[in-house]
N, C-alpha and C. Protein backbone atom coordinates (compact mmCIF):
# COMPACT_ATOMS: atom_id res chain seq x y z
N MET A 1 -23.93 -28.62 -9.46
CA MET A 1 -23.30 -28.21 -8.29
C MET A 1 -21.75 -28.16 -8.51
N GLU A 2 -21.26 -29.28 -9.20
CA GLU A 2 -19.82 -29.40 -9.43
C GLU A 2 -19.32 -28.28 -10.34
N GLY A 3 -20.19 -27.97 -11.35
CA GLY A 3 -19.90 -26.84 -12.29
C GLY A 3 -19.78 -25.50 -11.54
N GLU A 4 -20.68 -25.21 -10.60
CA GLU A 4 -20.66 -24.01 -9.89
C GLU A 4 -19.33 -23.86 -9.05
N MET A 5 -18.95 -24.98 -8.41
CA MET A 5 -17.60 -25.03 -7.64
C MET A 5 -16.50 -24.65 -8.65
N TYR A 6 -16.43 -25.24 -9.83
CA TYR A 6 -15.40 -25.01 -10.73
C TYR A 6 -15.40 -23.55 -11.19
N MET A 7 -16.58 -22.98 -11.48
CA MET A 7 -16.71 -21.55 -11.82
C MET A 7 -16.21 -20.64 -10.81
N ALA A 8 -16.52 -20.92 -9.52
CA ALA A 8 -16.05 -20.14 -8.38
C ALA A 8 -14.54 -20.12 -8.25
N GLU A 9 -13.94 -21.37 -8.48
CA GLU A 9 -12.52 -21.57 -8.38
C GLU A 9 -11.90 -20.74 -9.53
N VAL A 10 -12.47 -20.83 -10.78
CA VAL A 10 -11.90 -20.06 -11.88
C VAL A 10 -11.93 -18.49 -11.62
N LEU A 11 -13.11 -18.06 -11.13
CA LEU A 11 -13.33 -16.62 -10.78
C LEU A 11 -12.23 -16.21 -9.85
N GLU A 12 -12.06 -17.02 -8.75
CA GLU A 12 -11.06 -16.72 -7.71
C GLU A 12 -9.66 -16.70 -8.25
N GLU A 13 -9.34 -17.65 -9.10
CA GLU A 13 -7.96 -17.66 -9.81
C GLU A 13 -7.79 -16.40 -10.61
N THR A 14 -8.79 -16.06 -11.47
CA THR A 14 -8.78 -14.94 -12.37
C THR A 14 -8.51 -13.67 -11.52
N LEU A 15 -9.26 -13.49 -10.39
CA LEU A 15 -9.08 -12.33 -9.56
C LEU A 15 -7.69 -12.21 -8.93
N ARG A 16 -7.24 -13.50 -8.62
CA ARG A 16 -5.80 -13.61 -8.01
C ARG A 16 -4.77 -13.14 -9.07
N MET A 17 -5.07 -13.61 -10.35
CA MET A 17 -4.07 -13.28 -11.37
C MET A 17 -4.15 -11.82 -11.76
N GLU A 18 -5.38 -11.20 -11.75
CA GLU A 18 -5.42 -9.71 -11.92
C GLU A 18 -4.63 -8.98 -10.90
N GLU A 19 -4.79 -9.41 -9.63
CA GLU A 19 -4.05 -8.75 -8.59
C GLU A 19 -2.56 -8.94 -8.77
N ASP A 20 -2.13 -10.15 -9.18
CA ASP A 20 -0.71 -10.36 -9.43
C ASP A 20 -0.15 -9.48 -10.52
N THR A 21 -0.94 -9.32 -11.65
CA THR A 21 -0.48 -8.52 -12.75
C THR A 21 -0.37 -7.10 -12.29
N GLN A 22 -1.16 -6.62 -11.26
CA GLN A 22 -1.11 -5.29 -10.85
C GLN A 22 -0.01 -5.11 -9.75
N LYS A 23 0.38 -6.17 -9.09
CA LYS A 23 1.37 -6.05 -8.01
C LYS A 23 2.69 -5.38 -8.55
N GLY A 24 3.09 -4.48 -7.78
CA GLY A 24 4.40 -3.78 -8.09
C GLY A 24 4.24 -2.78 -9.25
N LYS A 25 3.02 -2.55 -9.71
CA LYS A 25 2.80 -1.56 -10.76
C LYS A 25 2.33 -0.29 -10.17
N PHE A 26 2.83 0.82 -10.65
CA PHE A 26 2.55 2.14 -10.11
C PHE A 26 2.37 3.17 -11.19
N LEU A 27 1.35 4.09 -10.96
CA LEU A 27 1.24 5.22 -11.86
C LEU A 27 2.06 6.33 -11.30
N THR A 28 2.88 6.87 -12.11
CA THR A 28 3.72 8.00 -11.61
C THR A 28 3.20 9.33 -12.16
N PHE A 29 3.33 10.37 -11.44
CA PHE A 29 2.92 11.69 -11.72
C PHE A 29 3.71 12.74 -10.98
N SER A 30 3.69 14.01 -11.49
CA SER A 30 4.41 15.03 -10.89
C SER A 30 3.59 16.09 -10.27
N LEU A 31 4.17 16.73 -9.25
CA LEU A 31 3.62 17.94 -8.69
C LEU A 31 4.89 18.83 -8.61
N GLY A 32 5.07 19.75 -9.43
CA GLY A 32 6.24 20.57 -9.53
C GLY A 32 7.35 19.60 -9.87
N LYS A 33 8.51 19.68 -9.10
CA LYS A 33 9.62 18.88 -9.37
C LYS A 33 9.54 17.45 -8.64
N GLU A 34 8.66 17.22 -7.78
CA GLU A 34 8.58 15.95 -7.05
C GLU A 34 7.81 14.96 -7.91
N MET A 35 8.27 13.69 -7.95
CA MET A 35 7.61 12.67 -8.59
C MET A 35 6.96 11.70 -7.62
N TYR A 36 5.62 11.46 -7.79
CA TYR A 36 4.92 10.55 -6.89
C TYR A 36 4.43 9.34 -7.63
N ALA A 37 3.97 8.37 -6.90
CA ALA A 37 3.43 7.12 -7.46
C ALA A 37 2.30 6.72 -6.65
N ILE A 38 1.29 6.12 -7.35
CA ILE A 38 0.22 5.47 -6.61
C ILE A 38 -0.01 4.06 -7.23
N GLU A 39 -0.37 3.14 -6.36
CA GLU A 39 -0.57 1.78 -6.83
C GLU A 39 -1.59 1.73 -7.87
N ILE A 40 -1.34 1.07 -8.94
CA ILE A 40 -2.28 0.97 -10.15
C ILE A 40 -3.59 0.35 -9.80
N LYS A 41 -3.69 -0.35 -8.74
CA LYS A 41 -4.92 -1.08 -8.43
C LYS A 41 -5.99 0.05 -7.96
N PHE A 42 -5.59 1.21 -7.46
CA PHE A 42 -6.53 2.22 -7.19
C PHE A 42 -7.07 3.02 -8.36
N VAL A 43 -6.27 2.96 -9.45
CA VAL A 43 -6.66 3.92 -10.57
C VAL A 43 -7.68 3.29 -11.56
N THR A 44 -8.75 4.10 -11.83
CA THR A 44 -9.69 3.60 -12.72
C THR A 44 -9.51 4.17 -14.06
N GLU A 45 -9.14 5.44 -14.10
CA GLU A 45 -8.89 6.12 -15.40
C GLU A 45 -8.16 7.41 -15.22
N ILE A 46 -7.66 7.91 -16.27
CA ILE A 46 -6.85 9.19 -16.32
C ILE A 46 -7.60 10.03 -17.38
N ILE A 47 -8.00 11.33 -17.05
CA ILE A 47 -8.69 12.22 -17.99
C ILE A 47 -8.00 13.58 -17.87
N GLY A 48 -8.17 14.31 -18.97
CA GLY A 48 -7.62 15.68 -18.96
C GLY A 48 -8.50 16.54 -18.01
N ILE A 49 -7.89 17.81 -17.67
CA ILE A 49 -8.70 18.66 -16.85
C ILE A 49 -9.93 19.03 -17.55
N GLN A 50 -11.03 19.22 -16.77
CA GLN A 50 -12.30 19.63 -17.43
C GLN A 50 -13.03 20.56 -16.52
N SER A 51 -14.25 21.02 -16.98
CA SER A 51 -14.98 21.90 -16.21
C SER A 51 -15.38 21.36 -14.87
N ILE A 52 -15.04 22.10 -13.77
CA ILE A 52 -15.33 21.61 -12.44
C ILE A 52 -16.37 22.49 -11.87
N THR A 53 -17.40 21.91 -11.27
CA THR A 53 -18.52 22.68 -10.67
C THR A 53 -18.15 22.83 -9.22
N GLU A 54 -18.02 24.04 -8.74
CA GLU A 54 -17.71 24.28 -7.27
C GLU A 54 -18.98 24.00 -6.46
N VAL A 55 -18.64 23.39 -5.29
CA VAL A 55 -19.72 23.16 -4.37
C VAL A 55 -19.33 23.92 -3.04
N PRO A 56 -20.30 24.68 -2.51
CA PRO A 56 -19.98 25.53 -1.33
C PRO A 56 -19.59 24.73 -0.08
N GLU A 57 -18.85 25.28 0.75
CA GLU A 57 -18.41 24.81 2.05
C GLU A 57 -17.64 23.42 2.09
N LEU A 58 -16.88 23.24 1.04
CA LEU A 58 -15.98 22.10 0.95
C LEU A 58 -14.66 22.56 1.45
N PRO A 59 -13.85 21.62 1.89
CA PRO A 59 -12.39 22.00 2.21
C PRO A 59 -11.75 22.65 0.92
N THR A 60 -10.82 23.46 1.11
CA THR A 60 -10.26 24.18 -0.13
C THR A 60 -9.67 23.37 -1.13
N TYR A 61 -9.10 22.11 -0.69
CA TYR A 61 -8.48 21.25 -1.68
C TYR A 61 -9.42 20.44 -2.50
N VAL A 62 -10.79 20.38 -2.02
CA VAL A 62 -11.76 19.71 -2.79
C VAL A 62 -12.32 20.75 -3.75
N LYS A 63 -11.89 20.68 -4.97
CA LYS A 63 -12.30 21.71 -5.90
C LYS A 63 -13.70 21.84 -6.38
N GLY A 64 -14.41 20.62 -6.27
CA GLY A 64 -15.79 20.57 -6.67
C GLY A 64 -16.11 19.14 -7.25
N ILE A 65 -17.03 19.23 -8.26
CA ILE A 65 -17.41 17.93 -8.86
C ILE A 65 -17.32 18.05 -10.36
N ILE A 66 -17.13 16.83 -10.94
CA ILE A 66 -17.21 16.76 -12.47
C ILE A 66 -18.24 15.64 -12.80
N ASN A 67 -18.71 15.81 -14.02
CA ASN A 67 -19.72 14.80 -14.55
C ASN A 67 -18.93 13.89 -15.46
N LEU A 68 -18.63 12.63 -15.06
CA LEU A 68 -17.85 11.78 -15.89
C LEU A 68 -18.85 10.74 -16.53
N ARG A 69 -19.20 10.92 -17.75
CA ARG A 69 -20.26 9.96 -18.38
C ARG A 69 -21.43 9.76 -17.46
N GLY A 70 -21.99 10.82 -16.91
CA GLY A 70 -23.11 10.67 -16.10
C GLY A 70 -22.88 10.31 -14.61
N LYS A 71 -21.64 10.09 -14.24
CA LYS A 71 -21.33 9.80 -12.85
C LYS A 71 -20.73 11.08 -12.24
N ILE A 72 -21.23 11.52 -11.12
CA ILE A 72 -20.77 12.58 -10.45
C ILE A 72 -19.49 12.20 -9.58
N ILE A 73 -18.33 12.89 -9.87
CA ILE A 73 -17.17 12.52 -9.16
C ILE A 73 -16.56 13.72 -8.52
N PRO A 74 -16.32 13.75 -7.19
CA PRO A 74 -15.64 14.84 -6.56
C PRO A 74 -14.20 14.85 -6.88
N VAL A 75 -13.61 16.08 -7.09
CA VAL A 75 -12.25 16.15 -7.50
C VAL A 75 -11.47 16.95 -6.34
N MET A 76 -10.21 16.41 -6.15
CA MET A 76 -9.35 17.02 -5.13
C MET A 76 -7.99 17.41 -5.78
N ASP A 77 -7.59 18.71 -5.41
CA ASP A 77 -6.33 19.13 -5.87
C ASP A 77 -5.25 18.63 -4.98
N VAL A 78 -4.45 17.69 -5.48
CA VAL A 78 -3.39 17.11 -4.56
C VAL A 78 -2.39 18.14 -4.13
N ARG A 79 -2.04 19.22 -5.04
CA ARG A 79 -1.13 20.16 -4.57
C ARG A 79 -1.76 20.94 -3.30
N LEU A 80 -2.97 21.22 -3.33
CA LEU A 80 -3.62 21.94 -2.10
C LEU A 80 -3.67 21.03 -0.97
N ARG A 81 -3.92 19.81 -1.23
CA ARG A 81 -4.02 18.74 -0.19
C ARG A 81 -2.67 18.76 0.59
N PHE A 82 -1.57 18.87 -0.13
CA PHE A 82 -0.21 18.80 0.38
C PHE A 82 0.22 20.19 0.86
N LYS A 83 -0.66 21.18 0.82
CA LYS A 83 -0.35 22.57 1.31
C LYS A 83 0.76 23.19 0.41
N LYS A 84 0.75 22.92 -0.99
CA LYS A 84 1.75 23.42 -1.80
C LYS A 84 1.01 24.66 -2.53
N LYS A 85 1.82 25.43 -3.08
CA LYS A 85 1.38 26.63 -3.80
C LYS A 85 0.44 26.27 -4.97
N PRO A 86 -0.72 26.78 -5.17
CA PRO A 86 -1.60 26.37 -6.24
C PRO A 86 -1.00 26.93 -7.58
N VAL A 87 -1.25 26.21 -8.62
CA VAL A 87 -0.84 26.65 -9.97
C VAL A 87 -1.98 26.66 -10.94
N GLU A 88 -1.91 27.43 -11.98
CA GLU A 88 -2.89 27.53 -12.99
C GLU A 88 -2.94 26.09 -13.69
N TYR A 89 -4.13 25.64 -13.95
CA TYR A 89 -4.29 24.38 -14.68
C TYR A 89 -4.01 24.66 -16.14
N ASN A 90 -3.31 23.67 -16.77
CA ASN A 90 -2.99 23.80 -18.25
C ASN A 90 -3.32 22.47 -18.97
N ASP A 91 -2.90 22.35 -20.20
CA ASP A 91 -3.18 21.22 -20.98
C ASP A 91 -2.49 19.99 -20.47
N ARG A 92 -1.46 20.03 -19.66
CA ARG A 92 -0.79 18.93 -19.09
C ARG A 92 -1.43 18.45 -17.75
N THR A 93 -2.24 19.30 -17.20
CA THR A 93 -2.99 18.97 -15.89
C THR A 93 -3.84 17.80 -16.23
N CYS A 94 -3.87 16.82 -15.25
CA CYS A 94 -4.68 15.63 -15.44
C CYS A 94 -5.48 15.40 -14.14
N ILE A 95 -6.56 14.62 -14.37
CA ILE A 95 -7.31 14.07 -13.26
C ILE A 95 -7.09 12.58 -13.24
N ILE A 96 -6.60 12.03 -12.22
CA ILE A 96 -6.42 10.60 -12.03
C ILE A 96 -7.71 10.22 -11.19
N VAL A 97 -8.49 9.40 -11.81
CA VAL A 97 -9.73 8.90 -11.07
C VAL A 97 -9.30 7.67 -10.33
N VAL A 98 -9.45 7.66 -8.97
CA VAL A 98 -9.15 6.50 -8.13
C VAL A 98 -10.34 6.04 -7.40
N GLU A 99 -10.31 4.85 -6.99
CA GLU A 99 -11.39 4.30 -6.21
C GLU A 99 -10.68 3.99 -4.84
N VAL A 100 -11.23 4.68 -3.80
CA VAL A 100 -10.73 4.48 -2.37
C VAL A 100 -11.92 4.34 -1.51
N LYS A 101 -11.89 3.26 -0.70
CA LYS A 101 -13.07 3.05 0.19
C LYS A 101 -14.31 3.00 -0.48
N ASP A 102 -14.46 2.45 -1.66
CA ASP A 102 -15.58 2.32 -2.53
C ASP A 102 -16.16 3.71 -3.05
N ILE A 103 -15.30 4.67 -3.06
CA ILE A 103 -15.68 5.98 -3.44
C ILE A 103 -14.81 6.43 -4.57
N SER A 104 -15.30 6.93 -5.70
CA SER A 104 -14.50 7.39 -6.82
C SER A 104 -14.16 8.81 -6.56
N VAL A 105 -12.91 9.22 -6.64
CA VAL A 105 -12.43 10.54 -6.42
C VAL A 105 -11.43 10.89 -7.61
N GLY A 106 -11.42 12.19 -8.07
CA GLY A 106 -10.51 12.61 -9.02
C GLY A 106 -9.41 13.33 -8.33
N LEU A 107 -8.14 12.99 -8.68
CA LEU A 107 -7.00 13.69 -8.08
C LEU A 107 -6.34 14.49 -9.14
N ILE A 108 -6.44 15.87 -8.91
CA ILE A 108 -5.84 16.79 -9.94
C ILE A 108 -4.30 16.83 -9.71
N VAL A 109 -3.56 16.47 -10.75
CA VAL A 109 -2.08 16.46 -10.66
C VAL A 109 -1.55 17.31 -11.77
N ASP A 110 -0.26 17.77 -11.64
CA ASP A 110 0.35 18.60 -12.70
C ASP A 110 0.54 17.85 -13.96
N ASN A 111 0.92 16.55 -13.94
CA ASN A 111 1.30 15.85 -15.11
C ASN A 111 1.44 14.36 -14.78
N VAL A 112 0.80 13.53 -15.61
CA VAL A 112 0.88 12.09 -15.42
C VAL A 112 2.14 11.56 -16.20
N SER A 113 3.00 10.75 -15.73
CA SER A 113 4.19 10.26 -16.36
C SER A 113 4.02 8.94 -17.13
N GLU A 114 4.06 7.92 -16.19
CA GLU A 114 3.99 6.57 -16.89
C GLU A 114 3.52 5.54 -15.82
N VAL A 115 3.18 4.34 -16.27
CA VAL A 115 2.99 3.28 -15.42
C VAL A 115 4.37 2.48 -15.33
N MET A 116 4.83 2.23 -14.23
CA MET A 116 6.08 1.50 -14.04
C MET A 116 6.04 0.49 -13.00
N SER A 117 6.98 -0.47 -13.11
CA SER A 117 7.09 -1.52 -12.11
C SER A 117 8.10 -1.12 -11.14
N ILE A 118 7.88 -1.27 -9.88
CA ILE A 118 8.88 -1.10 -8.84
C ILE A 118 8.83 -2.34 -7.97
N SER A 119 9.97 -3.05 -7.97
CA SER A 119 10.01 -4.34 -7.24
C SER A 119 10.06 -4.04 -5.72
N ASP A 120 9.64 -5.06 -4.94
CA ASP A 120 9.53 -4.96 -3.48
C ASP A 120 10.92 -4.50 -2.88
N GLU A 121 12.07 -5.03 -3.38
CA GLU A 121 13.32 -4.73 -2.88
C GLU A 121 13.79 -3.27 -3.13
N ASP A 122 13.11 -2.60 -4.14
CA ASP A 122 13.41 -1.25 -4.37
C ASP A 122 12.43 -0.29 -3.67
N ILE A 123 11.60 -0.77 -2.74
CA ILE A 123 10.65 -0.01 -2.00
C ILE A 123 11.11 -0.02 -0.52
N VAL A 124 11.28 1.25 -0.04
CA VAL A 124 11.81 1.35 1.36
C VAL A 124 10.88 2.15 2.19
N PRO A 125 10.79 2.04 3.48
CA PRO A 125 9.96 2.89 4.29
C PRO A 125 10.40 4.34 4.16
N PRO A 126 9.52 5.38 4.30
CA PRO A 126 9.98 6.70 4.30
C PRO A 126 10.84 7.06 5.48
N PRO A 127 11.76 7.98 5.38
CA PRO A 127 12.62 8.35 6.51
C PRO A 127 11.76 8.90 7.55
N ASN A 128 12.03 8.71 8.79
CA ASN A 128 11.23 9.14 9.92
C ASN A 128 11.62 10.61 10.19
N MET A 129 11.14 11.52 9.32
CA MET A 129 11.54 12.92 9.54
C MET A 129 10.34 13.61 10.27
N ASN A 130 10.20 14.97 10.10
CA ASN A 130 9.17 15.61 10.76
C ASN A 130 7.84 15.13 10.21
N LYS A 131 6.81 15.06 10.86
CA LYS A 131 5.55 14.59 10.50
C LYS A 131 4.74 15.79 9.81
N GLY A 132 5.28 16.30 8.77
CA GLY A 132 4.63 17.45 8.12
C GLY A 132 3.38 16.96 7.39
N THR A 133 2.67 17.85 6.80
CA THR A 133 1.36 17.53 6.12
C THR A 133 1.61 16.45 5.03
N GLU A 134 2.60 16.77 4.13
CA GLU A 134 2.83 15.84 2.99
C GLU A 134 3.33 14.47 3.43
N SER A 135 4.22 14.44 4.44
CA SER A 135 4.79 13.22 4.76
C SER A 135 3.83 12.13 5.40
N LYS A 136 2.65 12.63 5.93
CA LYS A 136 1.76 11.62 6.48
C LYS A 136 1.04 10.86 5.36
N TYR A 137 1.16 11.35 4.15
CA TYR A 137 0.46 10.64 2.94
C TYR A 137 1.42 9.72 2.29
N ILE A 138 2.80 9.71 2.73
CA ILE A 138 3.74 8.94 2.03
C ILE A 138 3.84 7.62 2.65
N LYS A 139 3.56 6.52 1.85
CA LYS A 139 3.56 5.24 2.31
C LYS A 139 5.01 4.59 2.27
N ALA A 140 5.70 4.97 1.21
CA ALA A 140 7.08 4.35 1.00
C ALA A 140 7.81 5.22 0.01
N ILE A 141 9.06 4.81 -0.21
CA ILE A 141 9.91 5.44 -1.25
C ILE A 141 10.28 4.43 -2.27
N GLY A 142 10.04 4.70 -3.48
CA GLY A 142 10.43 3.76 -4.56
C GLY A 142 11.69 4.21 -5.19
N LYS A 143 12.70 3.38 -5.21
CA LYS A 143 14.03 3.69 -5.91
C LYS A 143 13.95 3.27 -7.32
N VAL A 144 14.11 4.19 -8.31
CA VAL A 144 13.99 3.88 -9.72
C VAL A 144 15.29 4.41 -10.33
N GLY A 145 16.27 3.54 -10.59
CA GLY A 145 17.48 4.07 -11.08
C GLY A 145 18.08 4.96 -10.01
N ASN A 146 18.48 6.17 -10.39
CA ASN A 146 19.00 7.15 -9.40
C ASN A 146 17.93 8.19 -8.99
N GLU A 147 16.69 7.83 -9.33
CA GLU A 147 15.51 8.79 -8.94
C GLU A 147 14.86 8.16 -7.77
N VAL A 148 13.98 8.90 -7.15
CA VAL A 148 13.08 8.41 -6.11
C VAL A 148 11.65 8.81 -6.50
N LYS A 149 10.67 7.93 -6.20
CA LYS A 149 9.23 8.18 -6.35
C LYS A 149 8.58 8.10 -5.00
N LEU A 150 7.90 9.15 -4.56
CA LEU A 150 7.20 9.13 -3.26
C LEU A 150 5.91 8.35 -3.49
N ILE A 151 5.74 7.21 -2.88
CA ILE A 151 4.59 6.37 -3.08
C ILE A 151 3.48 6.80 -2.08
N LEU A 152 2.45 7.13 -2.54
CA LEU A 152 1.33 7.64 -1.73
C LEU A 152 0.43 6.57 -1.13
N GLU A 153 -0.03 6.83 0.05
CA GLU A 153 -0.99 5.94 0.74
C GLU A 153 -2.36 6.54 0.36
N CYS A 154 -2.95 6.01 -0.70
CA CYS A 154 -4.21 6.44 -1.29
C CYS A 154 -5.29 6.69 -0.20
N GLU A 155 -5.35 5.72 0.71
CA GLU A 155 -6.43 5.77 1.66
C GLU A 155 -6.34 7.06 2.55
N LYS A 156 -5.10 7.45 2.75
CA LYS A 156 -4.92 8.65 3.70
C LYS A 156 -5.19 10.01 3.04
N LEU A 157 -5.28 9.98 1.77
CA LEU A 157 -5.56 11.27 1.05
C LEU A 157 -6.80 11.89 1.48
N MET A 158 -7.80 11.03 1.90
CA MET A 158 -9.06 11.46 2.42
C MET A 158 -9.13 10.99 3.84
N ASN A 159 -9.48 11.98 4.69
CA ASN A 159 -9.63 11.55 6.14
C ASN A 159 -11.13 11.21 6.21
N ASP A 160 -11.55 10.79 7.43
CA ASP A 160 -12.94 10.29 7.60
C ASP A 160 -13.96 11.36 7.33
N ASN A 161 -13.62 12.61 7.72
CA ASN A 161 -14.56 13.70 7.35
C ASN A 161 -14.72 13.92 5.87
N ASP A 162 -13.61 13.86 5.21
CA ASP A 162 -13.55 14.07 3.78
C ASP A 162 -14.48 13.00 3.09
N THR A 163 -14.32 11.75 3.63
CA THR A 163 -14.93 10.56 3.00
C THR A 163 -16.48 10.80 3.20
N GLU A 164 -16.83 11.32 4.39
CA GLU A 164 -18.27 11.55 4.64
C GLU A 164 -18.79 12.64 3.75
N ILE A 165 -18.09 13.68 3.62
CA ILE A 165 -18.52 14.79 2.69
C ILE A 165 -18.66 14.38 1.32
N ILE A 166 -17.53 13.67 0.85
CA ILE A 166 -17.54 13.29 -0.54
C ILE A 166 -18.58 12.23 -0.88
N SER A 167 -18.87 11.26 0.13
CA SER A 167 -19.88 10.33 -0.21
C SER A 167 -21.22 11.01 -0.31
N GLN A 168 -21.51 12.09 0.41
CA GLN A 168 -22.77 12.81 0.27
C GLN A 168 -22.80 13.49 -1.06
N ILE A 169 -21.75 13.98 -1.54
CA ILE A 169 -21.77 14.78 -2.90
C ILE A 169 -21.98 13.69 -3.98
N ALA A 170 -21.21 12.62 -4.01
CA ALA A 170 -21.28 11.60 -5.00
C ALA A 170 -22.72 10.73 -4.79
């Protein structure tokens, strides 16, 4: 019994340490000239663009599904989600596989940059500008040197309807 209590405490501490090592860490990527960031805790892997199977009657920004080592993963074009002009995929196009609300989703982005730390004091709320499509997905602004990274609210990339559709696909 005492051993089980100790193991539970060790497991809890390990999980807390993992969270601490991920705290303040972001994966940055670009869509055109804009630089975005997502919290690393959501990211499970990054893969190159691959063959996408289209599924009928999905929102236009959900491009279809991919088979990732036997797991079916829906993929969303973040450009289209933000109502930006679509671009041809190339060898720099990446799919960032994230886990949101217990669902794995691939996010198609122009280019993945790096994993970087952004401290809490360098993260500010987004300006209260017009509530356009893109701005509702922005959680905060990260100041990195004299650049800014738009930090995305991963959970908001998919609305409840998307989550339902995507969980049916997957």
